[in-house]
Protein backbone atom coordinates (compact mmCIF):
# COMPACT_ATOMS: atom_id res chain seq x y z
CA MET A 1 -0.04 -0.03 -0.03
CA ASP A 2 2.84 2.24 0.74
CA PHE A 3 4.30 1.69 -2.85
CA LEU A 4 0.93 2.85 -4.31
CA LEU A 5 0.81 6.04 -2.25
CA LYS A 6 4.51 6.90 -3.13
CA ASN A 7 4.01 6.38 -6.77
CA LYS A 8 0.42 7.59 -7.17
CA THR A 9 1.30 10.34 -9.64
CA ILE A 10 3.19 8.05 -11.91
CA ILE A 11 0.65 5.29 -11.77
CA LEU A 12 -2.18 7.73 -12.60
CA ARG A 13 -0.17 9.13 -15.65
CA ILE A 14 0.70 5.63 -16.86
CA LEU A 15 -3.04 4.64 -16.50
CA GLY A 16 -4.25 7.84 -18.15
CA SER A 17 -1.91 7.49 -21.04
CA LEU A 18 -2.82 3.76 -21.51
CA MET A 19 -6.69 4.66 -21.45
CA LEU A 20 -6.07 7.32 -24.10
CA VAL A 21 -4.13 5.04 -26.33
CA VAL A 22 -6.77 2.28 -26.04
CA GLY A 23 -9.52 4.80 -26.72
CA PHE A 24 -7.86 6.10 -29.90
CA ALA A 25 -6.85 2.60 -31.01
CA VAL A 26 -10.50 1.38 -30.69
CA HIS A 27 -11.69 4.47 -32.54
CA PHE A 28 -9.47 4.07 -35.46
CA TRP A 29 -9.93 0.27 -35.53
CA VAL A 30 -13.69 0.55 -35.59
CA THR A 31 -14.11 3.66 -37.77
CA PRO A 32 -15.30 2.39 -41.25
CA LYS A 33 -12.89 2.80 -44.20
CA LYS A 34 -13.94 4.66 -47.31
CA GLY A 35 -15.26 2.37 -50.12
CA LEU A 36 -16.43 -1.23 -49.92
CA THR A 37 -14.33 -3.99 -48.20
CA GLN A 38 -14.17 -7.47 -49.62
CA ASN A 39 -16.74 -8.83 -47.16
CA GLU A 40 -19.22 -6.24 -48.17
CA ILE A 41 -18.81 -7.06 -51.93
CA ALA A 42 -19.13 -10.81 -51.12
CA ALA A 43 -22.28 -10.11 -49.02
CA ALA A 44 -23.78 -8.12 -51.87
CA ASN A 45 -22.97 -10.87 -54.18
CA ILE A 46 -24.56 -13.42 -52.13
CA ALA A 47 -27.70 -11.32 -51.44
CA ARG A 48 -28.08 -10.79 -55.24
CA MET A 49 -27.72 -14.61 -55.79
CA GLU A 50 -30.27 -15.34 -53.06
CA ALA A 51 -32.70 -12.89 -54.59
CA ALA A 52 -32.40 -14.56 -57.95
CA VAL A 53 -33.06 -18.10 -56.36
CA THR A 54 -36.00 -16.80 -54.38
CA ASN A 55 -37.62 -15.27 -57.45
CA ARG A 56 -37.63 -18.64 -59.05
CA GLY A 57 -38.73 -20.48 -55.87
CA GLY A 58 -41.65 -19.93 -53.47
CA GLN A 59 -42.49 -17.05 -51.31
CA THR A 60 -41.91 -18.84 -47.91
CA SER A 61 -38.05 -18.64 -47.80
CA LYS A 62 -38.19 -14.98 -48.78
CA SER A 63 -40.02 -13.90 -45.73
CA GLN A 64 -37.52 -15.93 -43.51
CA LYS A 65 -34.59 -14.06 -45.08
CA LYS A 66 -36.04 -10.72 -44.40
CA ASP A 67 -36.47 -11.40 -40.78
CA ASP A 68 -32.89 -12.68 -40.51
CA ALA A 69 -31.56 -9.64 -42.25
CA LYS A 70 -33.43 -7.25 -39.94
CA PHE A 71 -31.99 -9.09 -36.88
CA LEU A 72 -28.40 -8.95 -38.23
CA GLU A 73 -28.67 -5.30 -39.03
CA THR A 74 -29.95 -4.54 -35.57
CA LEU A 75 -27.08 -6.61 -34.12
CA LYS A 76 -24.48 -4.75 -36.22
CA ASN A 77 -25.92 -1.39 -35.10
CA THR A 78 -25.74 -2.42 -31.53
CA GLN A 79 -22.11 -3.49 -31.72
CA ILE A 80 -21.30 -0.22 -33.37
CA LYS A 81 -22.88 1.74 -30.67
CA GLN A 82 -21.11 -0.45 -27.99
CA MET A 83 -17.71 0.23 -29.50
CA GLN A 84 -18.42 3.95 -29.57
CA TYR A 85 -19.46 3.90 -26.02
CA LEU A 86 -16.27 1.97 -25.10
CA THR A 87 -14.24 4.66 -27.09
CA ILE A 88 -15.93 7.53 -25.27
CA ILE A 89 -15.68 6.00 -21.75
CA SER A 90 -11.96 5.07 -22.35
CA MET A 91 -11.01 8.57 -23.42
CA ILE A 92 -13.04 10.24 -20.59
CA PHE A 93 -11.09 8.00 -17.97
CA GLY A 94 -7.80 8.69 -19.70
CA VAL A 95 -8.13 12.40 -19.66
CA GLY A 96 -9.54 12.35 -16.02
CA PHE A 97 -6.52 10.18 -14.83
CA LEU A 98 -4.04 12.39 -16.59
CA GLY A 99 -5.64 15.61 -15.41
CA TYR A 100 -5.75 14.40 -11.83
CA SER A 101 -2.18 13.42 -11.88
CA PHE A 102 -1.14 16.84 -12.71
CA ILE A 103 -3.09 18.70 -9.99
CA PRO A 104 -0.55 19.87 -7.40
CA LYS A 105 -1.04 18.19 -4.03
CA ARG A 106 -1.23 20.21 -0.78
CA ASP A 107 0.76 18.96 2.08
CA SER A 108 -1.65 19.24 5.08
């Protein structure tokens, strides 16, 4: 416990810097790139092929696919929001720890 009290400033600065680095890394990792990725192109091709097959077949499988697509879209949006919240919280804690470590301490 004595070690933590002696090195509190250094620990807070390291922790704050680490939280900021994590926040920026998550932000730039999650931020979508411009243009289409290979996965998006492949998904579009599969959707086009499935649409061609369902036009030949019956209507029962078509309604099933719409429900799945809606669920997957909702899941994707939820994951994007969670990563945004993680980034925001990480950066707030990082700035807080760094700011607190630079506040001069009074000896009383």
